[in-house]
Amino acid sequence: GLATCSLGAHCECHNLFLLTRARAMDMAAQHSHLCSHGRPLVVGVMGGAFNPIHLGHVLLAVTVRETTPVDEVVVVPVFKHPVKADLLPFEDRVEMCRLAVLGTGVQVSTVEQRIGESNVAMLRAVKAEYPPGTQLVWICGDDVFDWIDNPKGQAMLREVDGLIVQRRLCRAGDTEDTFDKSPADSGRIEDIRQRHGIKVDIIFGKLPHLSSSLVRSSPAIWRAYLPQLVAFYLDARPQLLARLVEECGEGPVEAWVIRPNAVGIIEDCNGDEVTQTNSSRSVIIRCHQG
């Protein structure tokens, strides 16, 4: 289904053109691994709950794809989290991931739904989908160093050829608005390189300080953390917003439904209608079946 808006058919056609072009780019990227380039294929794997996927995730995935020597980046939503039992439905998290990276060339895999496991099993299943000799690089935040020495972390390191680690920002002292990179233990990083024979690359750029928990706990400004198409997807599914609110103990749901002037495309909305209102204009998104 295609969303229409109060701005008329021109906007609708323009959005359809952009969506079609983005999908064509993604299809081309999806089959790029079939091309021979005389060296092992390098695939960056970015796993997570993505509950929901936010701009920090997207910026990290795109930054890795555009600035590091990987051939592909694939986002892998977790199917069944070993700890978090209150995630949004897998199908919704996958669809939001696809909308978030549309047109970037970043891929989304549902491999965990097929195998029912994460971590080592997931990495092996992803690698099996590529030609022999493909190298996997794990894309993660620097909180990976908090758990990489446990048995599960050590097992994962044996399945990858490298790590690409984002230095996350954290609050600097007691100030509200000042953030800096969390401390890094260079000796420990070198030890991981030596013990496992893998490459560890650090992304030092100051990407925004974002997290899914921050999105869920910020009712008044949650849209500022999400790609527009993800926000529109949630707009059309107030029951998902309600679950996010319940999870973080915030409410009521009406506090979350604060939308800027914008027009977007929503797919498979099951006939829902959402009205976006602010002080100057209302924008109505109607989702048509068929």
Protein backbone atom coordinates (compact mmCIF):
# COMPACT_ATOMS: atom_id res chain seq x y z
CA GLY A 1 0.00 0.00 0.00
CA LEU A 2 1.04 3.58 -0.64
CA ALA A 3 0.49 6.50 1.70
CA THR A 4 -1.15 9.63 0.36
CA CYS A 5 -0.96 13.05 1.95
CA SER A 6 -2.83 16.32 2.01
CA LEU A 7 -0.19 17.86 -0.24
CA GLY A 8 -1.58 16.10 -3.29
CA ALA A 9 -0.65 13.59 -5.99
CA HIS A 10 2.63 15.25 -6.96
CA CYS A 11 4.10 14.45 -3.56
CA GLU A 12 2.79 10.90 -3.78
CA CYS A 13 4.41 10.32 -7.19
CA HIS A 14 7.69 11.88 -6.08
CA ASN A 15 7.85 9.61 -3.02
CA LEU A 16 7.07 6.58 -5.18
CA PHE A 17 9.91 7.53 -7.53
CA LEU A 18 12.37 7.87 -4.65
CA LEU A 19 11.28 4.56 -3.15
CA THR A 20 11.57 2.74 -6.49
CA ARG A 21 15.04 4.17 -7.12
CA ALA A 22 16.17 3.24 -3.61
CA ARG A 23 14.94 -0.31 -4.04
CA ALA A 24 16.81 -0.62 -7.34
CA MET A 25 20.01 0.48 -5.61
CA ASP A 26 19.47 -2.05 -2.84
CA MET A 27 18.85 -4.88 -5.32
CA ALA A 28 22.09 -4.05 -7.10
CA ALA A 29 23.98 -4.04 -3.79
CA GLN A 30 22.36 -7.30 -2.74
CA HIS A 31 23.84 -9.11 -5.73
CA SER A 32 27.23 -7.38 -5.70
CA HIS A 33 28.87 -10.36 -3.98
CA LEU A 34 28.39 -12.37 -7.17
CA CYS A 35 31.02 -10.25 -8.88
CA SER A 36 34.63 -11.45 -8.86
CA HIS A 37 37.18 -8.87 -7.76
CA GLY A 38 40.25 -11.07 -7.24
CA ARG A 39 40.29 -11.04 -3.42
CA PRO A 40 38.16 -12.46 -0.60
CA LEU A 41 34.81 -10.79 -0.11
CA VAL A 42 34.63 -8.81 3.13
CA VAL A 43 31.21 -8.57 4.77
CA GLY A 44 30.48 -6.36 7.77
CA VAL A 45 27.87 -7.91 10.08
CA MET A 46 25.90 -5.70 12.43
CA GLY A 47 23.65 -7.63 14.79
CA GLY A 48 21.30 -6.32 17.43
CA ALA A 49 17.77 -6.13 18.77
CA PHE A 50 16.98 -2.93 16.81
CA ASN A 51 14.05 -2.20 19.11
CA PRO A 52 13.65 0.08 17.23
CA ILE A 53 16.43 0.81 14.76
CA HIS A 54 17.48 4.45 15.08
CA LEU A 55 19.69 6.98 13.31
CA GLY A 56 22.75 5.92 15.32
CA HIS A 57 22.48 2.39 13.91
CA VAL A 58 22.00 3.69 10.38
CA LEU A 59 24.89 6.15 10.58
CA LEU A 60 27.21 3.45 11.88
CA ALA A 61 26.22 0.99 9.13
CA VAL A 62 26.59 3.61 6.40
CA THR A 63 29.85 4.95 7.85
CA VAL A 64 31.35 1.45 7.79
CA ARG A 65 30.12 0.81 4.25
CA GLU A 66 31.45 4.10 2.92
CA THR A 67 34.72 4.53 4.83
CA THR A 68 36.13 1.04 5.52
CA PRO A 69 37.33 -1.69 3.15
CA VAL A 70 34.20 -3.85 3.35
CA ASP A 71 32.27 -4.97 0.30
CA GLU A 72 28.91 -5.28 2.01
CA VAL A 73 27.24 -4.43 5.30
CA VAL A 74 24.39 -6.60 6.53
CA VAL A 75 22.12 -5.76 9.47
CA VAL A 76 20.90 -8.85 11.35
CA PRO A 77 18.00 -8.31 13.78
CA VAL A 78 17.91 -10.80 16.64
CA PHE A 79 14.99 -13.22 16.42
CA LYS A 80 14.84 -14.38 20.03
CA HIS A 81 16.88 -12.36 22.49
CA PRO A 82 18.42 -14.41 25.32
CA VAL A 83 17.56 -11.70 27.87
CA LYS A 84 15.07 -9.22 26.44
CA ALA A 85 11.65 -10.86 26.23
CA ASP A 86 9.65 -7.69 25.52
CA LEU A 87 10.95 -6.82 22.06
CA LEU A 88 8.61 -5.65 19.33
CA PRO A 89 7.58 -8.45 16.93
CA PHE A 90 10.42 -9.68 14.76
CA GLU A 91 8.59 -8.89 11.52
CA ASP A 92 8.09 -5.26 12.56
CA ARG A 93 11.71 -4.82 13.62
CA VAL A 94 12.88 -6.31 10.30
CA GLU A 95 10.60 -4.03 8.29
CA MET A 96 11.77 -0.95 10.19
CA CYS A 97 15.37 -1.98 9.52
CA ARG A 98 14.62 -2.29 5.81
CA LEU A 99 12.96 1.11 5.74
CA ALA A 100 15.81 2.69 7.71
CA VAL A 101 18.55 1.59 5.30
CA LEU A 102 16.55 1.92 2.10
CA GLY A 103 18.74 3.32 -0.66
CA THR A 104 22.00 3.04 1.30
CA GLY A 105 23.13 -0.32 -0.09
CA VAL A 106 23.10 -1.80 3.42
CA GLN A 107 21.34 -5.18 3.52
CA VAL A 108 18.99 -6.69 6.11
CA SER A 109 19.08 -10.41 6.88
CA THR A 110 16.40 -12.56 8.53
CA VAL A 111 18.80 -15.46 8.99
CA GLU A 112 18.13 -15.65 12.74
CA GLN A 113 14.48 -16.45 12.13
CA ARG A 114 15.56 -19.42 10.04
CA ILE A 115 18.17 -20.81 12.42
CA GLY A 116 16.60 -19.68 15.71
CA GLU A 117 19.96 -18.73 17.23
CA SER A 118 22.25 -15.74 17.59
CA ASN A 119 25.98 -15.11 17.88
CA VAL A 120 28.12 -18.02 16.63
CA ALA A 121 25.31 -19.84 14.82
CA MET A 122 24.19 -16.61 13.17
CA LEU A 123 27.69 -15.73 11.97
CA ARG A 124 28.15 -19.19 10.48
CA ALA A 125 24.79 -18.99 8.73
CA VAL A 126 25.57 -15.55 7.29
CA LYS A 127 28.95 -16.74 6.03
CA ALA A 128 27.33 -19.76 4.36
CA GLU A 129 25.30 -17.40 2.18
CA TYR A 130 28.45 -16.01 0.57
CA PRO A 131 31.17 -17.53 -1.62
CA PRO A 132 33.89 -19.69 0.00
CA GLY A 133 36.68 -17.62 1.48
CA THR A 134 34.40 -14.72 2.48
CA GLN A 135 35.65 -12.83 5.51
CA LEU A 136 33.30 -11.56 8.21
CA VAL A 137 33.88 -8.41 10.23
CA TRP A 138 31.76 -7.77 13.32
CA ILE A 139 30.44 -4.17 13.57
CA CYS A 140 29.75 -3.12 17.14
CA GLY A 141 29.97 -0.45 19.80
CA ASP A 142 32.86 -0.30 22.23
CA ASP A 143 30.70 -1.97 24.89
CA VAL A 144 31.84 -5.15 23.13
CA PHE A 145 34.88 -5.00 25.38
CA ASP A 146 32.62 -5.46 28.40
CA TRP A 147 31.72 -9.02 27.39
CA ILE A 148 34.17 -10.16 24.74
CA ASP A 149 36.24 -12.12 27.29
CA ASN A 150 33.37 -14.36 28.38
CA PRO A 151 32.95 -17.78 26.70
CA LYS A 152 30.30 -16.56 24.26
CA GLY A 153 32.44 -13.59 23.24
CA GLN A 154 35.50 -15.77 22.74
CA ALA A 155 33.48 -18.17 20.59
CA MET A 156 32.29 -15.27 18.42
CA LEU A 157 35.83 -14.00 17.93
CA ARG A 158 36.75 -17.37 16.45
CA GLU A 159 34.12 -16.87 13.74
CA VAL A 160 35.21 -13.44 12.50
CA ASP A 161 38.24 -12.00 10.77
CA GLY A 162 38.01 -8.62 12.42
CA LEU A 163 36.11 -6.10 14.52
CA ILE A 164 35.00 -2.61 13.53
CA VAL A 165 34.31 -0.80 16.78
CA GLN A 166 32.54 2.53 17.21
CA ARG A 167 33.84 4.67 20.07
CA ARG A 168 30.59 5.63 21.75
CA LEU A 169 30.06 8.99 23.37
CA CYS A 170 29.32 9.21 27.08
CA ARG A 171 28.59 12.07 29.44
CA ALA A 172 31.67 14.04 30.39
CA GLY A 173 31.54 14.52 34.15
CA ASP A 174 28.36 15.92 35.64
CA THR A 175 27.45 18.19 32.75
CA GLU A 176 24.15 17.69 30.95
CA ASP A 177 25.19 18.58 27.41
CA THR A 178 28.84 17.56 27.17
CA PHE A 179 29.74 14.17 25.76
CA ASP A 180 33.06 12.55 25.06
CA LYS A 181 34.33 9.17 23.93
CA SER A 182 34.42 6.49 26.59
CA PRO A 183 37.92 5.50 27.71
CA ALA A 184 39.69 2.88 25.58
CA ASP A 185 42.19 0.31 26.81
CA SER A 186 44.70 0.20 23.96
CA GLY A 187 46.65 -2.60 25.63
CA ARG A 188 43.58 -4.79 25.80
CA ILE A 189 42.70 -4.07 22.18
CA GLU A 190 46.21 -5.08 21.12
CA ASP A 191 45.91 -8.24 23.20
CA ILE A 192 42.73 -9.20 21.31
CA ARG A 193 44.52 -8.60 18.03
CA GLN A 194 47.44 -10.80 19.00
CA ARG A 195 45.55 -13.64 20.71
CA HIS A 196 42.93 -14.07 18.00
CA GLY A 197 44.90 -12.99 14.95
CA ILE A 198 42.19 -10.56 13.89
CA LYS A 199 42.15 -6.94 12.83
CA VAL A 200 40.50 -4.43 15.16
CA ASP A 201 39.57 -1.13 13.55
CA ILE A 202 38.28 1.75 15.64
CA ILE A 203 35.91 4.40 14.26
CA PHE A 204 36.98 7.59 16.01
CA GLY A 205 34.43 9.97 14.48
CA LYS A 206 31.93 11.46 16.92
CA LEU A 207 28.74 9.79 15.78
CA PRO A 208 25.63 10.93 17.69
CA HIS A 209 24.99 9.68 21.21
CA LEU A 210 21.94 7.49 20.51
CA SER A 211 20.51 4.25 21.80
CA SER A 212 17.22 2.39 21.44
CA SER A 213 16.59 2.81 25.16
CA LEU A 214 17.05 6.58 24.74
CA VAL A 215 14.44 6.53 21.96
CA ARG A 216 12.00 4.57 24.10
CA SER A 217 12.41 6.84 27.12
CA SER A 218 12.07 10.21 25.33
CA PRO A 219 8.35 10.63 24.58
CA ALA A 220 8.52 14.30 23.64
CA ILE A 221 11.33 14.05 21.07
CA TRP A 222 11.50 10.39 20.06
CA ARG A 223 11.08 11.19 16.34
CA ALA A 224 14.36 13.11 16.36
CA TYR A 225 16.20 9.81 16.82
CA LEU A 226 14.53 7.84 14.02
CA PRO A 227 14.74 7.77 10.22
CA GLN A 228 11.57 9.31 8.81
CA LEU A 229 10.23 6.11 7.26
CA VAL A 230 10.65 4.31 10.58
CA ALA A 231 8.75 7.09 12.35
CA PHE A 232 5.96 6.85 9.78
CA TYR A 233 5.84 3.09 10.23
CA LEU A 234 5.31 3.55 13.96
CA ASP A 235 2.79 6.33 13.36
CA ALA A 236 0.61 3.89 11.45
CA ARG A 237 0.86 1.29 14.21
CA PRO A 238 -0.05 2.93 17.52
CA GLN A 239 -0.08 -0.47 19.21
CA LEU A 240 3.69 -0.71 18.65
CA LEU A 241 4.18 2.74 20.16
CA ALA A 242 2.11 1.65 23.13
CA ARG A 243 4.40 -1.34 23.68
CA LEU A 244 7.48 0.86 23.57
CA VAL A 245 5.92 3.22 26.09
CA GLU A 246 4.97 0.36 28.41
CA GLU A 247 8.47 -1.10 28.20
CA CYS A 248 10.16 2.04 29.50
CA GLY A 249 7.38 3.00 31.91
CA GLU A 250 6.59 6.25 30.09
CA GLY A 251 3.18 7.43 29.06
CA PRO A 252 0.60 8.15 28.02
CA VAL A 253 0.82 7.09 24.39
CA GLU A 254 -0.56 10.47 23.30
CA ALA A 255 2.66 12.08 24.51
CA TRP A 256 4.54 10.10 21.91
CA VAL A 257 2.39 11.08 18.96
CA ILE A 258 4.12 14.39 18.31
CA ARG A 259 4.88 14.71 14.63
CA PRO A 260 6.54 17.40 12.51
CA ASN A 261 5.39 18.49 9.07
CA ALA A 262 6.47 15.63 6.87
CA VAL A 263 5.29 13.30 4.17
CA GLY A 264 6.29 9.68 3.91
CA ILE A 265 5.50 6.29 2.52
CA ILE A 266 3.99 3.58 4.66
CA GLU A 267 3.54 0.05 3.39
CA ASP A 268 1.10 -2.66 4.44
CA CYS A 269 -0.72 -0.43 6.88
CA ASN A 270 -3.95 -2.47 6.91
CA GLY A 271 -6.14 0.54 6.27
CA ASP A 272 -4.96 2.64 9.21
CA GLU A 273 -5.14 6.41 9.04
CA VAL A 274 -2.86 8.74 10.98
CA THR A 275 -3.26 12.50 11.24
CA GLN A 276 -0.15 14.57 11.87
CA THR A 277 -0.86 17.93 13.50
CA ASN A 278 1.17 20.87 14.63
CA SER A 279 0.62 24.59 14.99
CA SER A 280 0.73 25.35 11.28
CA ARG A 281 -0.56 22.36 9.32
CA SER A 282 -2.00 18.89 9.47
CA VAL A 283 -0.69 16.08 7.30
CA ILE A 284 -2.84 13.00 6.87
CA ILE A 285 -1.34 9.67 5.97
CA ARG A 286 -3.89 7.23 4.63
CA CYS A 287 -2.80 3.68 4.00
CA HIS A 288 -4.71 1.92 1.26
CA GLN A 289 -5.00 -1.81 0.99
CA GLY A 290 -4.00 -3.45 -2.25
